[in-house]
Protein backbone atom coordinates (compact mmCIF):
# COMPACT_ATOMS: atom_id res chain seq x y z
CA MET A 1 -6.04 16.45 32.95
CA ARG A 2 -3.62 15.50 34.89
CA THR A 3 -1.76 12.67 33.73
CA ASP A 4 1.21 12.10 37.10
CA VAL A 5 1.18 7.68 36.63
CA ALA A 6 1.75 8.02 33.11
CA GLN A 7 4.20 10.34 33.63
CA ILE A 8 6.22 8.50 36.57
CA ASP A 9 5.56 4.72 34.06
CA LEU A 10 6.86 6.69 30.80
CA ARG A 11 9.28 7.50 32.90
CA LEU A 12 10.56 5.32 33.77
CA ARG A 13 10.79 3.70 30.61
CA ARG A 14 12.46 6.50 28.43
CA ARG A 15 15.95 5.13 28.05
CA SER A 16 13.94 1.69 26.70
CA MET A 17 12.03 3.41 24.45
CA LEU A 18 14.32 5.68 22.83
CA TRP A 19 17.12 2.04 22.50
CA PHE A 20 14.28 0.21 21.23
CA ALA A 21 13.63 3.46 18.31
CA ALA A 22 17.11 3.60 17.86
CA GLY A 23 18.13 0.11 16.96
CA MET A 24 15.10 -0.03 14.79
CA ALA A 25 16.23 2.75 13.16
CA ILE A 26 19.75 1.32 12.56
CA TYR A 27 18.15 -1.49 10.92
CA ALA A 28 15.22 0.29 8.47
CA PHE A 29 17.76 2.37 7.50
CA MET A 30 20.07 -0.93 6.32
CA LEU A 31 16.98 -2.58 4.73
CA VAL A 32 16.55 1.05 2.82
CA ALA A 33 20.05 1.09 1.82
CA MET A 34 20.35 -2.51 0.91
CA TYR A 35 17.30 -2.42 -1.76
CA PRO A 36 19.42 -1.32 -4.72
CA THR A 37 21.52 -4.53 -4.31
CA VAL A 38 18.85 -6.91 -4.01
CA LYS A 39 15.84 -5.49 -5.93
CA SER A 40 17.16 -7.57 -9.01
CA ASP A 41 19.20 -10.71 -7.73
CA ALA A 42 16.71 -13.46 -9.53
CA SER A 43 17.58 -16.30 -6.40
CA LEU A 44 15.71 -13.61 -4.03
CA GLY A 45 13.20 -13.40 -5.78
CA ALA A 46 12.80 -17.15 -6.51
CA LEU A 47 12.05 -18.06 -2.75
CA THR A 48 8.84 -16.54 -3.17
CA GLU A 49 7.36 -18.67 -5.32
CA ASN A 50 6.96 -21.10 -2.76
CA PRO A 51 3.93 -20.64 -1.76
CA THR A 52 4.58 -21.93 2.23
CA VAL A 53 8.01 -19.59 2.36
CA ALA A 54 6.23 -16.38 0.41
CA ALA A 55 2.59 -16.98 3.76
CA LEU A 56 5.65 -16.99 6.30
CA LEU A 57 7.69 -14.05 5.79
CA GLY A 58 4.88 -12.62 5.30
CA VAL A 59 4.49 -12.06 2.20
CA SER A 60 2.71 -11.74 -1.16
CA GLY A 61 3.57 -11.08 -4.95
CA SER A 62 8.28 -10.54 -5.03
CA PHE A 63 10.15 -10.76 -2.18
CA THR A 64 12.00 -8.77 -4.31
CA SER A 65 9.11 -5.85 -4.91
CA PRO A 66 9.03 -2.70 -2.14
CA ALA A 67 6.24 -3.74 -0.70
CA GLY A 68 7.22 -8.26 -0.52
CA TRP A 69 11.47 -6.46 0.90
CA VAL A 70 9.66 -4.07 3.98
CA ASN A 71 6.63 -7.02 4.35
CA GLY A 72 9.38 -9.83 4.49
CA ASN A 73 12.01 -8.35 6.27
CA LEU A 74 10.14 -5.88 9.10
CA TYR A 75 6.74 -5.26 8.46
CA ALA A 76 4.85 -8.82 8.53
CA ASN A 77 7.14 -10.00 11.46
CA PHE A 78 9.87 -7.60 13.36
CA LEU A 79 8.82 -4.66 13.38
CA PRO A 80 4.83 -6.27 15.25
CA LEU A 81 7.72 -8.20 17.46
CA MET A 82 9.69 -4.75 18.87
CA ILE A 83 6.47 -2.96 19.22
CA LEU A 84 5.05 -5.95 21.21
CA LEU A 85 7.80 -6.46 23.33
CA LEU A 86 7.75 -2.87 24.60
CA THR A 87 3.53 -3.32 25.84
CA ILE A 88 2.76 -6.86 26.30
CA GLY A 89 6.18 -6.52 29.01
CA TYR A 90 4.44 -2.59 30.14
CA GLY A 91 0.99 -4.28 30.30
CA ALA A 92 2.42 -7.07 32.35
CA SER A 93 3.69 -4.69 34.80
CA SER A 94 1.35 -2.14 34.88
CA ILE A 95 -0.82 -3.54 37.73
CA ALA A 96 0.70 -7.07 38.11
CA GLY A 97 4.35 -6.36 38.49
CA GLN A 98 3.70 -3.81 40.64
CA SER A 99 1.50 -5.99 43.12
CA GLU A 100 4.16 -8.49 43.25
CA ASP A 101 6.63 -5.18 43.74
CA GLY A 102 4.32 -3.64 46.35
CA SER A 103 4.12 -0.36 44.76
CA LEU A 104 0.59 -0.80 43.65
CA GLY A 105 -0.19 -0.27 46.86
CA LEU A 106 1.29 2.99 46.93
CA VAL A 107 -0.36 3.69 43.60
CA ALA A 108 -3.74 3.43 44.89
CA THR A 109 -3.63 6.05 47.55
CA LEU A 110 -3.27 8.57 44.98
CA PRO A 111 -6.36 10.37 45.08
CA ILE A 112 -7.13 8.93 41.88
CA SER A 113 -9.93 7.03 40.59
CA ARG A 114 -9.76 3.23 39.31
CA ARG A 115 -11.12 4.79 35.98
CA ARG A 116 -8.34 7.34 35.66
CA LEU A 117 -5.99 4.85 36.30
CA VAL A 118 -6.70 2.13 33.43
CA ARG A 119 -6.86 5.16 31.27
CA GLU A 120 -3.36 6.51 32.75
CA LYS A 121 -2.01 2.81 31.45
CA THR A 122 -3.87 2.64 28.54
CA LEU A 123 -1.96 5.79 27.17
CA VAL A 124 1.71 4.89 28.17
CA LEU A 125 0.34 1.94 26.55
CA ALA A 126 -0.69 3.47 23.66
CA LEU A 127 2.49 5.32 23.91
CA LEU A 128 5.60 3.72 24.53
CA ALA A 129 6.31 2.20 21.36
CA VAL A 130 4.89 6.17 19.12
CA PRO A 131 9.02 6.41 18.80
CA LEU A 132 10.45 3.34 17.79
CA ALA A 133 7.20 3.31 15.06
CA VAL A 134 8.11 6.82 13.95
CA ALA A 135 11.41 6.13 13.38
CA THR A 136 11.04 2.87 11.38
CA MET A 137 8.19 4.75 9.17
CA ALA A 138 10.39 7.96 8.34
CA PHE A 139 13.15 5.78 7.30
CA ILE A 140 10.63 3.77 4.92
CA LEU A 141 9.58 6.97 3.88
CA LEU A 142 12.59 8.29 3.02
CA GLY A 143 13.51 4.69 0.95
CA ARG A 144 11.69 6.10 -2.62
CA HIS A 145 15.65 8.10 -3.15
CA TYR A 146 17.06 4.22 -2.32
CA ASP A 147 14.66 2.72 -5.38
CA LEU A 148 12.17 1.67 -2.80
CA THR A 149 8.54 3.17 -3.37
CA LEU A 150 6.25 2.01 -1.62
CA PRO A 151 2.84 4.62 -1.21
CA ALA A 152 2.95 7.34 2.10
CA GLY A 153 -0.79 6.90 2.85
CA ALA A 154 -0.64 2.94 2.76
CA VAL A 155 3.00 3.08 5.63
CA ILE A 156 1.57 5.13 7.95
CA GLY A 157 -2.19 4.13 7.78
CA THR A 158 -0.03 0.34 8.26
CA THR A 159 2.50 1.87 10.88
CA VAL A 160 -0.49 2.78 12.90
CA ALA A 161 -2.16 -0.53 13.02
CA VAL A 162 0.72 -2.24 14.06
CA LEU A 163 0.69 0.79 16.80
CA VAL A 164 -3.20 -0.36 17.76
CA MET A 165 -2.62 -3.84 17.79
CA GLY A 166 0.39 -3.66 20.50
CA VAL A 167 -1.90 -1.18 22.65
CA ASP A 168 -5.32 -4.52 22.17
CA PHE A 169 -2.16 -6.96 23.28
CA GLY A 170 -0.65 -5.02 25.84
CA LEU A 171 -4.12 -4.69 27.58
CA ILE A 172 -4.79 -8.54 27.23
CA ALA A 173 -1.28 -8.37 29.14
CA MET A 174 -2.93 -5.65 32.17
CA ILE A 175 -6.11 -8.22 32.07
CA ILE A 176 -4.53 -11.19 32.09
CA GLY A 177 -1.98 -9.76 34.70
CA VAL A 178 -5.53 -7.80 37.31
CA LEU A 179 -6.62 -11.64 36.51
CA THR A 180 -3.67 -14.37 37.94
CA GLY A 181 -1.63 -11.93 40.20
CA SER A 182 1.49 -12.99 38.61
CA ARG A 183 3.76 -10.64 36.08
CA GLY A 184 5.07 -14.00 34.68
CA LEU A 185 1.42 -15.75 34.23
CA ALA A 186 0.59 -12.47 32.01
CA LEU A 187 3.63 -12.26 29.89
CA GLY A 188 3.42 -15.85 28.72
CA LEU A 189 -0.15 -16.16 28.16
CA THR A 190 -0.02 -13.20 26.28
CA SER A 191 3.10 -14.03 24.04
CA ALA A 192 1.44 -17.58 24.14
CA LEU A 193 -1.64 -16.10 22.65
CA ALA A 194 0.24 -12.86 20.08
CA ALA A 195 2.85 -15.69 18.71
CA ALA A 196 -0.91 -17.72 17.78
CA SER A 197 -2.06 -14.52 15.91
CA TYR A 198 0.78 -14.33 14.19
CA MET A 199 1.00 -17.77 13.18
CA VAL A 200 -3.01 -17.81 11.69
CA SER A 201 -2.44 -15.12 10.37
CA SER A 202 0.83 -16.77 8.63
CA LEU A 203 -0.86 -19.90 7.67
CA ALA A 204 -4.04 -18.17 6.01
CA PRO A 205 -3.40 -18.29 2.39
CA ILE A 206 -2.68 -22.11 2.63
CA VAL A 207 -3.85 -23.46 5.30
CA SER A 208 -7.38 -24.70 5.36
CA TRP A 209 -8.38 -24.24 8.65
CA ALA A 210 -6.21 -20.77 9.51
CA HIS A 211 -8.17 -18.84 6.17
CA THR A 212 -11.66 -19.90 8.23
CA ILE A 213 -10.04 -18.50 11.71
CA ARG A 214 -8.18 -15.71 10.50
CA PRO A 215 -10.25 -13.23 11.35
CA VAL A 216 -9.85 -14.03 15.01
CA SER A 217 -6.40 -12.69 14.07
CA LEU A 218 -4.83 -9.24 15.18
CA PHE A 219 -2.03 -9.97 13.46
CA TYR A 220 -4.46 -10.85 9.90
CA TRP A 221 -6.24 -7.10 10.56
CA ALA A 222 -2.49 -4.91 10.53
CA VAL A 223 -0.25 -6.85 8.14
CA GLY A 224 -1.82 -10.31 7.09
CA GLY A 225 -3.02 -8.33 4.01
CA ASP A 226 -1.99 -6.15 1.28
CA GLN A 227 -1.53 -3.38 3.51
CA LEU A 228 1.76 -1.61 2.33
CA THR A 229 0.28 -1.23 -1.32
CA ALA A 230 -3.24 -0.51 -0.74
CA GLY A 231 -2.97 0.55 2.62
CA PRO A 232 -4.79 -1.13 5.95
CA SER A 233 -9.33 -1.35 5.48
CA PHE A 234 -11.79 0.40 7.12
CA SER A 235 -13.14 -2.99 8.90
CA ALA A 236 -9.64 -3.67 9.96
CA TYR A 237 -9.30 -0.07 11.84
CA ALA A 238 -12.73 -0.48 13.48
CA VAL A 239 -11.99 -4.46 14.10
CA LEU A 240 -7.99 -2.69 16.26
CA ALA A 241 -9.79 -0.24 18.18
CA LEU A 242 -13.42 -1.62 18.61
CA VAL A 243 -11.17 -4.75 20.41
CA GLY A 244 -9.08 -2.18 21.67
CA VAL A 245 -11.62 0.65 23.39
CA GLY A 246 -13.40 -3.41 24.56
CA LEU A 247 -10.49 -4.55 26.33
CA HIS A 248 -9.85 -1.34 27.76
CA LEU A 249 -13.42 -1.13 29.63
CA ALA A 250 -12.52 -4.33 30.85
CA ALA A 251 -9.67 -3.41 31.91
CA VAL A 252 -11.48 -1.05 34.27
CA VAL A 253 -14.48 -3.38 35.33
CA LEU A 254 -11.77 -6.05 36.66
CA ILE A 255 -9.35 -2.88 38.14
CA GLY A 256 -11.90 -1.58 39.78
CA ARG A 257 -13.02 -5.27 41.71
CA LEU A 258 -9.60 -5.85 43.01
CA ASP A 259 -8.04 -5.22 46.41
CA ILE A 260 -5.28 -3.51 46.36
CA LEU A 261 -2.95 -3.72 49.64
């Protein structure tokens, strides 16, 4: 199967993909290398004795435990943020951005169907953050040499869940871009939805209304539990995957009806 559109889009973003991956690799290594120094720090461990602080950090248990340290500094917040910067940014520009700069009309002249166009752009969404996620995961798995030991399966599974969540939000940005024709609106509205999802997941352990509605939060399914210890559940994978499939199909329908000039 030819993937000309996907290859072009990936080529245009290859530098940002590599720079994001390099930056996250350095950050992950610093976290791992610091752990032997902080693991016995009573003052840091006491931070999460306050349930509100623990919830905002995305930590269950001690902040200085391996899972608490990696969750509070990376997987519950910073890693999803970096992935969403890539996927939401691309999702917003993939249709609406190209429509604004006039290049979408040129793409539409290629001998490909609208369905294939959406499929290739969804493929780009899935691949954009892979180097960043793999580099981050690799350094976290090396943590066993620095007393930071986490189950390899749980780390890999949580990384995959965060990647799928990133694709979901990227597809939301793509759909909003199709509906509004504005890259800026797609960026802003999707970022607001992602922030709301994060807040619901973070506040769920301490705020009753957030706890009630937490199943609607994609962050809850990806990183809102004890994923780095036990790994994401089958239900979490199912929800994240089904949301992605539904959004992809919605994008196919909407772009099929789009008047591309």
